[in-house]
PDB file of all heavy atoms in Angstrom:
ATOM      1  N   GLU A   1      72.581 106.812 113.849  1.00  0.00           N
ATOM      2  CA  GLU A   1      73.283 105.622 113.355  1.00  0.00           C
ATOM      3  C   GLU A   1      73.961 105.914 112.020  1.00  0.00           C
ATOM      4  O   GLU A   1      75.070 105.454 111.765  1.00  0.00           O
ATOM      5  CB  GLU A   1      72.308 104.447 113.216  1.00  0.00           C
ATOM      6  CG  GLU A   1      72.953 103.172 112.728  1.00  0.00           C
ATOM      7  CD  GLU A   1      74.084 102.647 113.615  1.00  0.00           C
ATOM      8  OE1 GLU A   1      74.145 102.984 114.818  1.00  0.00           O
ATOM      9  OE2 GLU A   1      74.941 101.891 113.088  1.00  0.00           O
ATOM     10  N   ALA A   2      73.316 106.690 111.164  1.00  0.00           N
ATOM     11  CA  ALA A   2      73.928 107.059 109.881  1.00  0.00           C
ATOM     12  C   ALA A   2      75.212 107.845 110.106  1.00  0.00           C
ATOM     13  O   ALA A   2      76.211 107.632 109.405  1.00  0.00           O
ATOM     14  CB  ALA A   2      72.943 107.864 109.039  1.00  0.00           C
ATOM     15  N   VAL A   3      75.216 108.743 111.081  1.00  0.00           N
ATOM     16  CA  VAL A   3      76.432 109.506 111.395  1.00  0.00           C
ATOM     17  C   VAL A   3      77.524 108.566 111.888  1.00  0.00           C
ATOM     18  O   VAL A   3      78.676 108.654 111.444  1.00  0.00           O
ATOM     19  CB  VAL A   3      76.132 110.618 112.427  1.00  0.00           C
ATOM     20  CG1 VAL A   3      77.421 111.234 112.964  1.00  0.00           C
ATOM     21  CG2 VAL A   3      75.248 111.692 111.807  1.00  0.00           C
ATOM     22  N   ARG A   4      77.186 107.645 112.796  1.00  0.00           N
ATOM     23  CA  ARG A   4      78.193 106.681 113.283  1.00  0.00           C
ATOM     24  C   ARG A   4      78.751 105.837 112.138  1.00  0.00           C
ATOM     25  O   ARG A   4      79.954 105.581 112.072  1.00  0.00           O
ATOM     26  CB  ARG A   4      77.596 105.795 114.377  1.00  0.00           C
ATOM     27  CG  ARG A   4      77.453 106.498 115.723  1.00  0.00           C
ATOM     28  CD  ARG A   4      77.067 105.529 116.834  1.00  0.00           C
ATOM     29  NE  ARG A   4      75.706 105.052 116.707  1.00  0.00           N
ATOM     30  CZ  ARG A   4      74.623 105.699 117.139  1.00  0.00           C
ATOM     31  NH1 ARG A   4      74.748 106.872 117.727  1.00  0.00           N
ATOM     32  NH2 ARG A   4      73.425 105.181 116.989  1.00  0.00           N
ATOM     33  N   GLN A   5      77.888 105.418 111.223  1.00  0.00           N
ATOM     34  CA  GLN A   5      78.334 104.622 110.082  1.00  0.00           C
ATOM     35  C   GLN A   5      79.218 105.440 109.144  1.00  0.00           C
ATOM     36  O   GLN A   5      80.188 104.924 108.575  1.00  0.00           O
ATOM     37  CB  GLN A   5      77.126 104.045 109.330  1.00  0.00           C
ATOM     38  CG  GLN A   5      76.394 102.970 110.090  1.00  0.00           C
ATOM     39  CD  GLN A   5      77.255 101.757 110.344  1.00  0.00           C
ATOM     40  OE1 GLN A   5      78.031 101.321 109.503  1.00  0.00           O
ATOM     41  NE2 GLN A   5      77.132 101.200 111.554  1.00  0.00           N
ATOM     42  N   ALA A   6      78.899 106.708 108.974  1.00  0.00           N
ATOM     43  CA  ALA A   6      79.725 107.573 108.121  1.00  0.00           C
ATOM     44  C   ALA A   6      81.121 107.729 108.717  1.00  0.00           C
ATOM     45  O   ALA A   6      82.125 107.658 107.996  1.00  0.00           O
ATOM     46  CB  ALA A   6      79.066 108.935 107.941  1.00  0.00           C
ATOM     47  N   ILE A   7      81.212 107.931 110.030  1.00  0.00           N
ATOM     48  CA  ILE A   7      82.514 108.039 110.684  1.00  0.00           C
ATOM     49  C   ILE A   7      83.266 106.721 110.542  1.00  0.00           C
ATOM     50  O   ILE A   7      84.473 106.711 110.256  1.00  0.00           O
ATOM     51  CB  ILE A   7      82.357 108.434 112.173  1.00  0.00           C
ATOM     52  CG1 ILE A   7      81.741 109.837 112.294  1.00  0.00           C
ATOM     53  CG2 ILE A   7      83.690 108.341 112.913  1.00  0.00           C
ATOM     54  CD1 ILE A   7      82.554 110.951 111.655  1.00  0.00           C
ATOM     55  N   SER A   8      82.578 105.609 110.696  1.00  0.00           N
ATOM     56  CA  SER A   8      83.206 104.294 110.515  1.00  0.00           C
ATOM     57  C   SER A   8      83.742 104.130 109.091  1.00  0.00           C
ATOM     58  O   SER A   8      84.846 103.613 108.881  1.00  0.00           O
ATOM     59  CB  SER A   8      82.187 103.196 110.833  1.00  0.00           C
ATOM     60  OG  SER A   8      82.742 101.931 110.663  1.00  0.00           O
ATOM     61  N   HIS A   9      82.986 104.584 108.105  1.00  0.00           N
ATOM     62  CA  HIS A   9      83.423 104.521 106.703  1.00  0.00           C
ATOM     63  C   HIS A   9      84.682 105.368 106.499  1.00  0.00           C
ATOM     64  O   HIS A   9      85.642 104.932 105.855  1.00  0.00           O
ATOM     65  CB  HIS A   9      82.302 104.999 105.785  1.00  0.00           C
ATOM     66  CG  HIS A   9      82.659 104.993 104.339  1.00  0.00           C
ATOM     67  ND1 HIS A   9      82.598 103.859 103.571  1.00  0.00           N
ATOM     68  CD2 HIS A   9      83.115 105.984 103.533  1.00  0.00           C
ATOM     69  CE1 HIS A   9      82.998 104.155 102.340  1.00  0.00           C
ATOM     70  NE2 HIS A   9      83.309 105.430 102.294  1.00  0.00           N
ATOM     71  N   LEU A  10      84.676 106.580 107.061  1.00  0.00           N
ATOM     72  CA  LEU A  10      85.849 107.447 106.948  1.00  0.00           C
ATOM     73  C   LEU A  10      87.058 106.797 107.613  1.00  0.00           C
ATOM     74  O   LEU A  10      88.172 106.875 107.088  1.00  0.00           O
ATOM     75  CB  LEU A  10      85.571 108.816 107.569  1.00  0.00           C
ATOM     76  CG  LEU A  10      84.555 109.684 106.839  1.00  0.00           C
ATOM     77  CD1 LEU A  10      84.257 110.943 107.648  1.00  0.00           C
ATOM     78  CD2 LEU A  10      85.016 110.027 105.439  1.00  0.00           C
ATOM     79  N   GLU A  11      86.851 106.139 108.753  1.00  0.00           N
ATOM     80  CA  GLU A  11      87.962 105.456 109.427  1.00  0.00           C
ATOM     81  C   GLU A  11      88.544 104.343 108.553  1.00  0.00           C
ATOM     82  O   GLU A  11      89.755 104.177 108.476  1.00  0.00           O
ATOM     83  CB  GLU A  11      87.501 104.861 110.758  1.00  0.00           C
ATOM     84  CG  GLU A  11      87.375 105.885 111.840  1.00  0.00           C
ATOM     85  CD  GLU A  11      87.072 105.279 113.185  1.00  0.00           C
ATOM     86  OE1 GLU A  11      86.099 104.505 113.309  1.00  0.00           O
ATOM     87  OE2 GLU A  11      87.807 105.591 114.135  1.00  0.00           O
ATOM     88  N   ARG A  12      87.671 103.593 107.907  1.00  0.00           N
ATOM     89  CA  ARG A  12      88.140 102.472 107.073  1.00  0.00           C
ATOM     90  C   ARG A  12      88.852 102.940 105.807  1.00  0.00           C
ATOM     91  O   ARG A  12      89.773 102.286 105.331  1.00  0.00           O
ATOM     92  CB  ARG A  12      86.971 101.566 106.689  1.00  0.00           C
ATOM     93  CG  ARG A  12      86.451 100.713 107.819  1.00  0.00           C
ATOM     94  CD  ARG A  12      85.456  99.652 107.343  1.00  0.00           C
ATOM     95  NE  ARG A  12      84.399 100.148 106.477  1.00  0.00           N
ATOM     96  CZ  ARG A  12      83.248 100.668 106.907  1.00  0.00           C
ATOM     97  NH1 ARG A  12      83.014 100.792 108.192  1.00  0.00           N
ATOM     98  NH2 ARG A  12      82.340 101.074 106.044  1.00  0.00           N
ATOM     99  N   HIS A  13      88.416 104.068 105.237  1.00  0.00           N
ATOM    100  CA  HIS A  13      88.914 104.452 103.917  1.00  0.00           C
ATOM    101  C   HIS A  13      89.780 105.712 103.866  1.00  0.00           C
ATOM    102  O   HIS A  13      90.473 105.924 102.871  1.00  0.00           O
ATOM    103  CB  HIS A  13      87.736 104.610 102.955  1.00  0.00           C
ATOM    104  CG  HIS A  13      86.948 103.356 102.787  1.00  0.00           C
ATOM    105  ND1 HIS A  13      87.400 102.285 102.043  1.00  0.00           N
ATOM    106  CD2 HIS A  13      85.764 102.975 103.311  1.00  0.00           C
ATOM    107  CE1 HIS A  13      86.515 101.306 102.095  1.00  0.00           C
ATOM    108  NE2 HIS A  13      85.512 101.700 102.855  1.00  0.00           N
ATOM    109  N   LEU A  14      89.734 106.545 104.897  1.00  0.00           N
ATOM    110  CA  LEU A  14      90.474 107.807 104.840  1.00  0.00           C
ATOM    111  C   LEU A  14      91.394 108.046 106.029  1.00  0.00           C
ATOM    112  O   LEU A  14      91.938 109.137 106.163  1.00  0.00           O
ATOM    113  CB  LEU A  14      89.494 108.983 104.726  1.00  0.00           C
ATOM    114  CG  LEU A  14      88.639 109.010 103.469  1.00  0.00           C
ATOM    115  CD1 LEU A  14      87.658 110.166 103.525  1.00  0.00           C
ATOM    116  CD2 LEU A  14      89.501 109.124 102.228  1.00  0.00           C
ATOM    117  N   CYS A  15      91.555 107.060 106.865  1.00  0.00           N
ATOM    118  CA  CYS A  15      92.377 107.236 108.063  1.00  0.00           C
ATOM    119  C   CYS A  15      93.793 106.745 107.775  1.00  0.00           C
ATOM    120  O   CYS A  15      94.135 105.587 108.023  1.00  0.00           O
ATOM    121  CB  CYS A  15      91.750 106.488 109.238  1.00  0.00           C
ATOM    122  SG  CYS A  15      92.594 106.770 110.788  1.00  0.00           S
ATOM    123  N   PHE A  16      94.589 107.641 107.213  1.00  0.00           N
ATOM    124  CA  PHE A  16      95.986 107.314 106.902  1.00  0.00           C
ATOM    125  C   PHE A  16      96.791 108.598 106.851  1.00  0.00           C
ATOM    126  O   PHE A  16      96.244 109.698 106.822  1.00  0.00           O
ATOM    127  CB  PHE A  16      96.100 106.553 105.580  1.00  0.00           C
ATOM    128  CG  PHE A  16      95.651 107.344 104.382  1.00  0.00           C
ATOM    129  CD1 PHE A  16      96.544 108.147 103.689  1.00  0.00           C
ATOM    130  CD2 PHE A  16      94.340 107.266 103.937  1.00  0.00           C
ATOM    131  CE1 PHE A  16      96.137 108.878 102.581  1.00  0.00           C
ATOM    132  CE2 PHE A  16      93.918 107.996 102.831  1.00  0.00           C
ATOM    133  CZ  PHE A  16      94.827 108.794 102.154  1.00  0.00           C
ATOM    134  N   THR A  17      98.082 108.447 106.837  1.00  0.00           N
ATOM    135  CA  THR A  17      98.975 109.599 106.681  1.00  0.00           C
ATOM    136  C   THR A  17     100.026 109.235 105.640  1.00  0.00           C
ATOM    137  O   THR A  17     100.199 108.064 105.299  1.00  0.00           O
ATOM    138  CB  THR A  17      99.634 109.987 108.028  1.00  0.00           C
ATOM    139  OG1 THR A  17     100.318 111.222 107.857  1.00  0.00           O
ATOM    140  CG2 THR A  17     100.579 108.915 108.522  1.00  0.00           C
ATOM    141  N   ARG A  18     100.697 110.246 105.154  1.00  0.00           N
ATOM    142  CA  ARG A  18     101.761 110.017 104.176  1.00  0.00           C
ATOM    143  C   ARG A  18     103.073 110.476 104.777  1.00  0.00           C
ATOM    144  O   ARG A  18     103.138 111.505 105.454  1.00  0.00           O
ATOM    145  CB  ARG A  18     101.471 110.774 102.885  1.00  0.00           C
ATOM    146  CG  ARG A  18     100.225 110.268 102.189  1.00  0.00           C
ATOM    147  CD  ARG A  18      99.922 111.026 100.951  1.00  0.00           C
ATOM    148  NE  ARG A  18      99.778 112.452 101.274  1.00  0.00           N
ATOM    149  CZ  ARG A  18      99.721 113.402 100.378  1.00  0.00           C
ATOM    150  NH1 ARG A  18      99.789 113.117  99.107  1.00  0.00           N
ATOM    151  NH2 ARG A  18      99.589 114.660 100.728  1.00  0.00           N
ATOM    152  N   ARG A  19     104.110 109.731 104.519  1.00  0.00           N
ATOM    153  CA  ARG A  19     105.441 110.072 105.021  1.00  0.00           C
ATOM    154  C   ARG A  19     106.465 109.846 103.922  1.00  0.00           C
ATOM    155  O   ARG A  19     106.179 109.292 102.881  1.00  0.00           O
ATOM    156  CB  ARG A  19     105.803 109.168 106.218  1.00  0.00           C
ATOM    157  CG  ARG A  19     104.927 109.386 107.427  1.00  0.00           C
ATOM    158  CD  ARG A  19     105.763 109.715 108.638  1.00  0.00           C
ATOM    159  NE  ARG A  19     104.955 110.149 109.750  1.00  0.00           N
ATOM    160  CZ  ARG A  19     104.555 109.382 110.723  1.00  0.00           C
ATOM    161  NH1 ARG A  19     104.884 108.114 110.747  1.00  0.00           N
ATOM    162  NH2 ARG A  19     103.842 109.878 111.700  1.00  0.00           N
ATOM    163  N   GLY A  20     107.663 110.265 104.233  1.00  0.00           N
ATOM    164  CA  GLY A  20     108.762 110.047 103.297  1.00  0.00           C
ATOM    165  C   GLY A  20     108.818 111.096 102.210  1.00  0.00           C
ATOM    166  O   GLY A  20     108.034 112.043 102.178  1.00  0.00           O
ATOM    167  N   LYS A  21     109.753 110.889 101.309  1.00  0.00           N
ATOM    168  CA  LYS A  21     109.953 111.834 100.220  1.00  0.00           C
ATOM    169  C   LYS A  21     108.682 111.976  99.395  1.00  0.00           C
ATOM    170  O   LYS A  21     108.129 110.995  98.902  1.00  0.00           O
ATOM    171  CB  LYS A  21     111.105 111.374  99.335  1.00  0.00           C
ATOM    172  CG  LYS A  21     111.423 112.358  98.247  1.00  0.00           C
ATOM    173  CD  LYS A  21     112.620 111.956  97.432  1.00  0.00           C
ATOM    174  CE  LYS A  21     112.856 113.041  96.397  1.00  0.00           C
ATOM    175  NZ  LYS A  21     113.983 112.768  95.555  1.00  0.00           N
ATOM    176  N   ASP A  22     108.220 113.207  99.281  1.00  0.00           N
ATOM    177  CA  ASP A  22     107.014 113.534  98.516  1.00  0.00           C
ATOM    178  C   ASP A  22     105.772 112.779  99.010  1.00  0.00           C
ATOM    179  O   ASP A  22     104.818 112.600  98.259  1.00  0.00           O
ATOM    180  CB  ASP A  22     107.224 113.268  97.028  1.00  0.00           C
ATOM    181  CG  ASP A  22     108.316 114.136  96.435  1.00  0.00           C
ATOM    182  OD1 ASP A  22     108.431 115.306  96.861  1.00  0.00           O
ATOM    183  OD2 ASP A  22     109.052 113.637  95.558  1.00  0.00           O
ATOM    184  N   GLY A  23     105.802 112.308 100.252  1.00  0.00           N
ATOM    185  CA  GLY A  23     104.647 111.624 100.827  1.00  0.00           C
ATOM    186  C   GLY A  23     104.322 110.311 100.163  1.00  0.00           C
ATOM    187  O   GLY A  23     103.177 109.886 100.115  1.00  0.00           O
ATOM    188  N   ARG A  24     105.335 109.635  99.658  1.00  0.00           N
ATOM    189  CA  ARG A  24     105.103 108.400  98.900  1.00  0.00           C
ATOM    190  C   ARG A  24     104.751 107.204  99.772  1.00  0.00           C
ATOM    191  O   ARG A  24     104.165 106.239  99.288  1.00  0.00           O
ATOM    192  CB  ARG A  24     106.337 108.073  98.055  1.00  0.00           C
ATOM    193  CG  ARG A  24     106.523 109.059  96.941  1.00  0.00           C
ATOM    194  CD  ARG A  24     107.698 108.697  96.077  1.00  0.00           C
ATOM    195  NE  ARG A  24     107.945 109.770  95.121  1.00  0.00           N
ATOM    196  CZ  ARG A  24     109.066 109.951  94.495  1.00  0.00           C
ATOM    197  NH1 ARG A  24     110.087 109.135  94.709  1.00  0.00           N
ATOM    198  NH2 ARG A  24     109.203 110.935  93.644  1.00  0.00           N
ATOM    199  N   THR A  25     105.112 107.259 101.044  1.00  0.00           N
ATOM    200  CA  THR A  25     104.813 106.143 101.939  1.00  0.00           C
ATOM    201  C   THR A  25     103.494 106.417 102.656  1.00  0.00           C
ATOM    202  O   THR A  25     103.321 107.452 103.293  1.00  0.00           O
ATOM    203  CB  THR A  25     105.935 105.969 102.986  1.00  0.00           C
ATOM    204  OG1 THR A  25     107.175 105.802 102.306  1.00  0.00           O
ATOM    205  CG2 THR A  25     105.668 104.784 103.883  1.00  0.00           C
ATOM    206  N   THR A  26     102.567 105.492 102.532  1.00  0.00           N
ATOM    207  CA  THR A  26     101.258 105.625 103.180  1.00  0.00           C
ATOM    208  C   THR A  26     101.231 104.726 104.409  1.00  0.00           C
ATOM    209  O   THR A  26     101.574 103.556 104.335  1.00  0.00           O
ATOM    210  CB  THR A  26     100.132 105.217 102.211  1.00  0.00           C
ATOM    211  OG1 THR A  26     100.190 106.067 101.061  1.00  0.00           O
ATOM    212  CG2 THR A  26      98.775 105.346 102.864  1.00  0.00           C
TER     213      THR A  26
END
């Protein structure tokens, strides 16, 4: 359960990409 919660935390806080000039658009 701790592993599942850690993955859920990463999804909520680190699941994004950057685009555009110098990666300014998140």
